[in-house]
Amino acid sequence: SIGNAGGRPERDGQRRPGPDPREQPP
């Protein structure tokens, strides 16, 4: 997957729940 390249595989095509990195402080 281009958007998640190199990451862990997600179950049933869904991302694991968690904070959006874009909402974290820089």
PDB file of all heavy atoms in Angstrom:
ATOM      1  N   SER A   1       0.837  -1.187   0.000  1.00  0.00           N
ATOM      2  CA  SER A   1       0.000   0.000   0.000  1.00  0.00           C
ATOM      3  C   SER A   1       0.877   1.244   0.000  1.00  0.00           C
ATOM      4  O   SER A   1       1.765   1.387   0.821  1.00  0.00           O
ATOM      5  CB  SER A   1      -0.903   0.002   1.248  1.00  0.00           C
ATOM      6  OG  SER A   1      -1.546   1.243   1.388  1.00  0.00           O
ATOM      7  N   ILE A   2       0.605   2.165  -0.911  1.00  0.00           N
ATOM      8  CA  ILE A   2       1.409   3.374  -1.000  1.00  0.00           C
ATOM      9  C   ILE A   2       1.245   4.218   0.246  1.00  0.00           C
ATOM     10  O   ILE A   2       2.200   4.722   0.810  1.00  0.00           O
ATOM     11  CB  ILE A   2       1.010   4.195  -2.241  1.00  0.00           C
ATOM     12  CG1 ILE A   2       1.214   3.364  -3.494  1.00  0.00           C
ATOM     13  CG2 ILE A   2       1.806   5.479  -2.318  1.00  0.00           C
ATOM     14  CD1 ILE A   2       2.623   2.955  -3.738  1.00  0.00           C
ATOM     15  N   GLY A   3       0.022   4.375   0.707  1.00  0.00           N
ATOM     16  CA  GLY A   3      -0.206   5.259   1.850  1.00  0.00           C
ATOM     17  C   GLY A   3       0.350   4.722   3.144  1.00  0.00           C
ATOM     18  O   GLY A   3       0.569   5.466   4.083  1.00  0.00           O
ATOM     19  N   ASN A   4       0.553   3.422   3.240  1.00  0.00           N
ATOM     20  CA  ASN A   4       1.056   2.845   4.479  1.00  0.00           C
ATOM     21  C   ASN A   4       2.272   1.991   4.202  1.00  0.00           C
ATOM     22  O   ASN A   4       2.502   0.979   4.835  1.00  0.00           O
ATOM     23  CB  ASN A   4      -0.040   2.000   5.135  1.00  0.00           C
ATOM     24  CG  ASN A   4       0.319   1.596   6.554  1.00  0.00           C
ATOM     25  OD1 ASN A   4       0.880   2.397   7.286  1.00  0.00           O
ATOM     26  ND2 ASN A   4      -0.006   0.374   6.939  1.00  0.00           N
ATOM     27  N   ALA A   5       3.049   2.367   3.198  1.00  0.00           N
ATOM     28  CA  ALA A   5       4.176   1.546   2.766  1.00  0.00           C
ATOM     29  C   ALA A   5       5.145   1.322   3.882  1.00  0.00           C
ATOM     30  O   ALA A   5       5.546   2.215   4.586  1.00  0.00           O
ATOM     31  CB  ALA A   5       4.880   2.230   1.592  1.00  0.00           C
ATOM     32  N   GLY A   6       5.545   0.074   4.032  1.00  0.00           N
ATOM     33  CA  GLY A   6       6.540  -0.258   5.039  1.00  0.00           C
ATOM     34  C   GLY A   6       5.958  -0.443   6.428  1.00  0.00           C
ATOM     35  O   GLY A   6       6.651  -0.796   7.359  1.00  0.00           O
ATOM     36  N   GLY A   7       4.641  -0.175   6.625  1.00  0.00           N
ATOM     37  CA  GLY A   7       4.066  -0.304   7.942  1.00  0.00           C
ATOM     38  C   GLY A   7       3.548  -1.696   8.198  1.00  0.00           C
ATOM     39  O   GLY A   7       3.632  -2.584   7.373  1.00  0.00           O
ATOM     40  N   ARG A   8       2.952  -1.894   9.391  1.00  0.00           N
ATOM     41  CA  ARG A   8       2.384  -3.198   9.723  1.00  0.00           C
ATOM     42  C   ARG A   8       1.090  -3.416   8.965  1.00  0.00           C
ATOM     43  O   ARG A   8       0.320  -2.484   8.734  1.00  0.00           O
ATOM     44  CB  ARG A   8       2.120  -3.263  11.223  1.00  0.00           C
ATOM     45  CG  ARG A   8       3.399  -3.204  12.060  1.00  0.00           C
ATOM     46  CD  ARG A   8       3.052  -3.278  13.528  1.00  0.00           C
ATOM     47  NE  ARG A   8       4.243  -3.247  14.349  1.00  0.00           N
ATOM     48  CZ  ARG A   8       4.222  -3.264  15.675  1.00  0.00           C
ATOM     49  NH1 ARG A   8       3.077  -3.322  16.314  1.00  0.00           N
ATOM     50  NH2 ARG A   8       5.344  -3.223  16.350  1.00  0.00           N
ATOM     51  N   PRO A   9       0.807  -4.652   8.570  1.00  0.00           N
ATOM     52  CA  PRO A   9      -0.449  -4.912   7.880  1.00  0.00           C
ATOM     53  C   PRO A   9      -1.641  -4.649   8.782  1.00  0.00           C
ATOM     54  O   PRO A   9      -1.590  -4.908   9.976  1.00  0.00           O
ATOM     55  CB  PRO A   9      -0.332  -6.400   7.501  1.00  0.00           C
ATOM     56  CG  PRO A   9       0.651  -6.971   8.462  1.00  0.00           C
ATOM     57  CD  PRO A   9       1.609  -5.874   8.771  1.00  0.00           C
ATOM     58  N   GLU A  10      -2.713  -4.120   8.221  1.00  0.00           N
ATOM     59  CA  GLU A  10      -3.915  -3.828   8.999  1.00  0.00           C
ATOM     60  C   GLU A  10      -4.954  -4.923   8.782  1.00  0.00           C
ATOM     61  O   GLU A  10      -5.089  -5.454   7.692  1.00  0.00           O
ATOM     62  CB  GLU A  10      -4.496  -2.468   8.547  1.00  0.00           C
ATOM     63  CG  GLU A  10      -3.455  -1.351   8.457  1.00  0.00           C
ATOM     64  CD  GLU A  10      -2.851  -0.992   9.791  1.00  0.00           C
ATOM     65  OE1 GLU A  10      -3.392  -1.470  10.803  1.00  0.00           O
ATOM     66  OE2 GLU A  10      -1.854  -0.261   9.832  1.00  0.00           O
ATOM     67  N   ARG A  11      -5.709  -5.216   9.793  1.00  0.00           N
ATOM     68  CA  ARG A  11      -6.728  -6.258   9.712  1.00  0.00           C
ATOM     69  C   ARG A  11      -7.942  -5.724   8.947  1.00  0.00           C
ATOM     70  O   ARG A  11      -8.426  -4.620   9.179  1.00  0.00           O
ATOM     71  CB  ARG A  11      -7.162  -6.671  11.116  1.00  0.00           C
ATOM     72  CG  ARG A  11      -6.043  -7.350  11.902  1.00  0.00           C
ATOM     73  CD  ARG A  11      -6.522  -7.713  13.298  1.00  0.00           C
ATOM     74  NE  ARG A  11      -5.458  -8.346  14.076  1.00  0.00           N
ATOM     75  CZ  ARG A  11      -5.584  -8.669  15.362  1.00  0.00           C
ATOM     76  NH1 ARG A  11      -6.722  -8.429  15.993  1.00  0.00           N
ATOM     77  NH2 ARG A  11      -4.578  -9.224  15.998  1.00  0.00           N
ATOM     78  N   ASP A  12      -8.432  -6.569   8.022  1.00  0.00           N
ATOM     79  CA  ASP A  12      -9.644  -6.269   7.266  1.00  0.00           C
ATOM     80  C   ASP A  12      -9.527  -4.926   6.543  1.00  0.00           C
ATOM     81  O   ASP A  12     -10.513  -4.232   6.331  1.00  0.00           O
ATOM     82  CB  ASP A  12     -10.875  -6.244   8.184  1.00  0.00           C
ATOM     83  CG  ASP A  12     -11.052  -7.572   8.914  1.00  0.00           C
ATOM     84  OD1 ASP A  12     -10.792  -8.616   8.279  1.00  0.00           O
ATOM     85  OD2 ASP A  12     -11.450  -7.560  10.096  1.00  0.00           O
ATOM     86  N   GLY A  13      -8.283  -4.553   6.185  1.00  0.00           N
ATOM     87  CA  GLY A  13      -8.094  -3.326   5.429  1.00  0.00           C
ATOM     88  C   GLY A  13      -8.284  -2.064   6.246  1.00  0.00           C
ATOM     89  O   GLY A  13      -8.306  -0.967   5.705  1.00  0.00           O
ATOM     90  N   GLN A  14      -8.480  -2.191   7.582  1.00  0.00           N
ATOM     91  CA  GLN A  14      -8.714  -1.009   8.407  1.00  0.00           C
ATOM     92  C   GLN A  14      -7.449  -0.646   9.181  1.00  0.00           C
ATOM     93  O   GLN A  14      -6.679  -1.507   9.585  1.00  0.00           O
ATOM     94  CB  GLN A  14      -9.853  -1.294   9.417  1.00  0.00           C
ATOM     95  CG  GLN A  14     -11.165  -1.663   8.755  1.00  0.00           C
ATOM     96  CD  GLN A  14     -11.709  -0.526   7.926  1.00  0.00           C
ATOM     97  OE1 GLN A  14     -11.660   0.623   8.351  1.00  0.00           O
ATOM     98  NE2 GLN A  14     -12.211  -0.843   6.744  1.00  0.00           N
ATOM     99  N   ARG A  15      -7.260   0.650   9.389  1.00  0.00           N
ATOM    100  CA  ARG A  15      -6.147   1.093  10.202  1.00  0.00           C
ATOM    101  C   ARG A  15      -6.427   0.811  11.673  1.00  0.00           C
ATOM    102  O   ARG A  15      -7.565   0.858  12.117  1.00  0.00           O
ATOM    103  CB  ARG A  15      -5.901   2.604  10.029  1.00  0.00           C
ATOM    104  CG  ARG A  15      -5.304   2.972   8.683  1.00  0.00           C
ATOM    105  CD  ARG A  15      -4.998   4.468   8.678  1.00  0.00           C
ATOM    106  NE  ARG A  15      -4.335   4.853   7.460  1.00  0.00           N
ATOM    107  CZ  ARG A  15      -3.034   4.784   7.270  1.00  0.00           C
ATOM    108  NH1 ARG A  15      -2.256   4.321   8.229  1.00  0.00           N
ATOM    109  NH2 ARG A  15      -2.494   5.158   6.134  1.00  0.00           N
ATOM    110  N   ARG A  16      -5.387   0.552  12.425  1.00  0.00           N
ATOM    111  CA  ARG A  16      -5.546   0.374  13.871  1.00  0.00           C
ATOM    112  C   ARG A  16      -5.910   1.716  14.486  1.00  0.00           C
ATOM    113  O   ARG A  16      -5.412   2.767  14.067  1.00  0.00           O
ATOM    114  CB  ARG A  16      -4.248  -0.145  14.493  1.00  0.00           C
ATOM    115  CG  ARG A  16      -3.837  -1.514  13.961  1.00  0.00           C
ATOM    116  CD  ARG A  16      -2.524  -1.943  14.597  1.00  0.00           C
ATOM    117  NE  ARG A  16      -2.025  -3.168  13.985  1.00  0.00           N
ATOM    118  CZ  ARG A  16      -2.390  -4.377  14.343  1.00  0.00           C
ATOM    119  NH1 ARG A  16      -3.272  -4.540  15.314  1.00  0.00           N
ATOM    120  NH2 ARG A  16      -1.893  -5.438  13.748  1.00  0.00           N
ATOM    121  N   PRO A  17      -6.783   1.722  15.492  1.00  0.00           N
ATOM    122  CA  PRO A  17      -7.171   2.993  16.110  1.00  0.00           C
ATOM    123  C   PRO A  17      -5.969   3.618  16.808  1.00  0.00           C
ATOM    124  O   PRO A  17      -5.088   2.938  17.323  1.00  0.00           O
ATOM    125  CB  PRO A  17      -8.258   2.579  17.110  1.00  0.00           C
ATOM    126  CG  PRO A  17      -7.991   1.128  17.389  1.00  0.00           C
ATOM    127  CD  PRO A  17      -7.453   0.572  16.110  1.00  0.00           C
ATOM    128  N   GLY A  18      -5.937   4.908  16.830  1.00  0.00           N
ATOM    129  CA  GLY A  18      -4.831   5.607  17.505  1.00  0.00           C
ATOM    130  C   GLY A  18      -4.848   7.060  17.103  1.00  0.00           C
ATOM    131  O   GLY A  18      -5.602   7.480  16.228  1.00  0.00           O
ATOM    132  N   PRO A  19      -4.015   7.872  17.739  1.00  0.00           N
ATOM    133  CA  PRO A  19      -3.996   9.294  17.439  1.00  0.00           C
ATOM    134  C   PRO A  19      -3.487   9.567  16.035  1.00  0.00           C
ATOM    135  O   PRO A  19      -2.618   8.874  15.534  1.00  0.00           O
ATOM    136  CB  PRO A  19      -3.032   9.856  18.495  1.00  0.00           C
ATOM    137  CG  PRO A  19      -2.158   8.685  18.863  1.00  0.00           C
ATOM    138  CD  PRO A  19      -3.042   7.492  18.764  1.00  0.00           C
ATOM    139  N   ASP A  20      -4.061  10.551  15.403  1.00  0.00           N
ATOM    140  CA  ASP A  20      -3.619  10.953  14.077  1.00  0.00           C
ATOM    141  C   ASP A  20      -2.283  11.670  14.220  1.00  0.00           C
ATOM    142  O   ASP A  20      -2.193  12.676  14.924  1.00  0.00           O
ATOM    143  CB  ASP A  20      -4.657  11.892  13.471  1.00  0.00           C
ATOM    144  CG  ASP A  20      -4.335  12.238  12.019  1.00  0.00           C
ATOM    145  OD1 ASP A  20      -3.156  12.081  11.625  1.00  0.00           O
ATOM    146  OD2 ASP A  20      -5.253  12.682  11.304  1.00  0.00           O
ATOM    147  N   PRO A  21      -1.200  11.185  13.546  1.00  0.00           N
ATOM    148  CA  PRO A  21       0.098  11.830  13.681  1.00  0.00           C
ATOM    149  C   PRO A  21       0.068  13.306  13.315  1.00  0.00           C
ATOM    150  O   PRO A  21       0.838  14.093  13.821  1.00  0.00           O
ATOM    151  CB  PRO A  21       0.990  11.037  12.703  1.00  0.00           C
ATOM    152  CG  PRO A  21       0.310   9.723  12.536  1.00  0.00           C
ATOM    153  CD  PRO A  21      -1.147  10.014  12.674  1.00  0.00           C
ATOM    154  N   ARG A  22      -0.863  13.684  12.413  1.00  0.00           N
ATOM    155  CA  ARG A  22      -0.925  15.077  12.009  1.00  0.00           C
ATOM    156  C   ARG A  22      -1.445  15.979  13.127  1.00  0.00           C
ATOM    157  O   ARG A  22      -1.312  17.192  13.079  1.00  0.00           O
ATOM    158  CB  ARG A  22      -1.800  15.207  10.767  1.00  0.00           C
ATOM    159  CG  ARG A  22      -1.159  14.652   9.504  1.00  0.00           C
ATOM    160  CD  ARG A  22      -2.160  14.546   8.377  1.00  0.00           C
ATOM    161  NE  ARG A  22      -3.096  13.448   8.618  1.00  0.00           N
ATOM    162  CZ  ARG A  22      -4.152  13.203   7.845  1.00  0.00           C
ATOM    163  NH1 ARG A  22      -4.425  13.989   6.823  1.00  0.00           N
ATOM    164  NH2 ARG A  22      -4.949  12.187   8.111  1.00  0.00           N
ATOM    165  N   GLU A  23      -2.105  15.378  14.143  1.00  0.00           N
ATOM    166  CA  GLU A  23      -2.644  16.155  15.241  1.00  0.00           C
ATOM    167  C   GLU A  23      -1.680  16.221  16.420  1.00  0.00           C
ATOM    168  O   GLU A  23      -1.958  16.868  17.413  1.00  0.00           O
ATOM    169  CB  GLU A  23      -3.974  15.545  15.695  1.00  0.00           C
ATOM    170  CG  GLU A  23      -5.041  15.574  14.602  1.00  0.00           C
ATOM    171  CD  GLU A  23      -6.328  14.892  15.043  1.00  0.00           C
ATOM    172  OE1 GLU A  23      -6.347  14.386  16.190  1.00  0.00           O
ATOM    173  OE2 GLU A  23      -7.290  14.874  14.261  1.00  0.00           O
ATOM    174  N   GLN A  24      -0.550  15.552  16.324  1.00  0.00           N
ATOM    175  CA  GLN A  24       0.440  15.578  17.387  1.00  0.00           C
ATOM    176  C   GLN A  24       1.253  16.866  17.306  1.00  0.00           C
ATOM    177  O   GLN A  24       1.416  17.457  16.247  1.00  0.00           O
ATOM    178  CB  GLN A  24       1.386  14.371  17.269  1.00  0.00           C
ATOM    179  CG  GLN A  24       0.668  13.033  17.351  1.00  0.00           C
ATOM    180  CD  GLN A  24      -0.109  12.869  18.642  1.00  0.00           C
ATOM    181  OE1 GLN A  24       0.437  12.989  19.727  1.00  0.00           O
ATOM    182  NE2 GLN A  24      -1.405  12.603  18.521  1.00  0.00           N
ATOM    183  N   PRO A  25       1.780  17.337  18.443  1.00  0.00           N
ATOM    184  CA  PRO A  25       2.625  18.538  18.395  1.00  0.00           C
ATOM    185  C   PRO A  25       3.848  18.280  17.540  1.00  0.00           C
ATOM    186  O   PRO A  25       4.348  17.156  17.478  1.00  0.00           O
ATOM    187  CB  PRO A  25       3.007  18.746  19.877  1.00  0.00           C
ATOM    188  CG  PRO A  25       2.798  17.419  20.531  1.00  0.00           C
ATOM    189  CD  PRO A  25       1.666  16.781  19.802  1.00  0.00           C
ATOM    190  N   PRO A  26       4.344  19.308  16.852  1.00  0.00           N
ATOM    191  CA  PRO A  26       5.486  19.107  15.952  1.00  0.00           C
ATOM    192  C   PRO A  26       6.732  18.673  16.710  1.00  0.00           C
ATOM    193  O   PRO A  26       6.985  19.110  17.833  1.00  0.00           O
ATOM    194  CB  PRO A  26       5.670  20.489  15.312  1.00  0.00           C
ATOM    195  CG  PRO A  26       5.029  21.450  16.269  1.00  0.00           C
ATOM    196  CD  PRO A  26       3.887  20.701  16.882  1.00  0.00           C
TER     197      PRO A  26
END
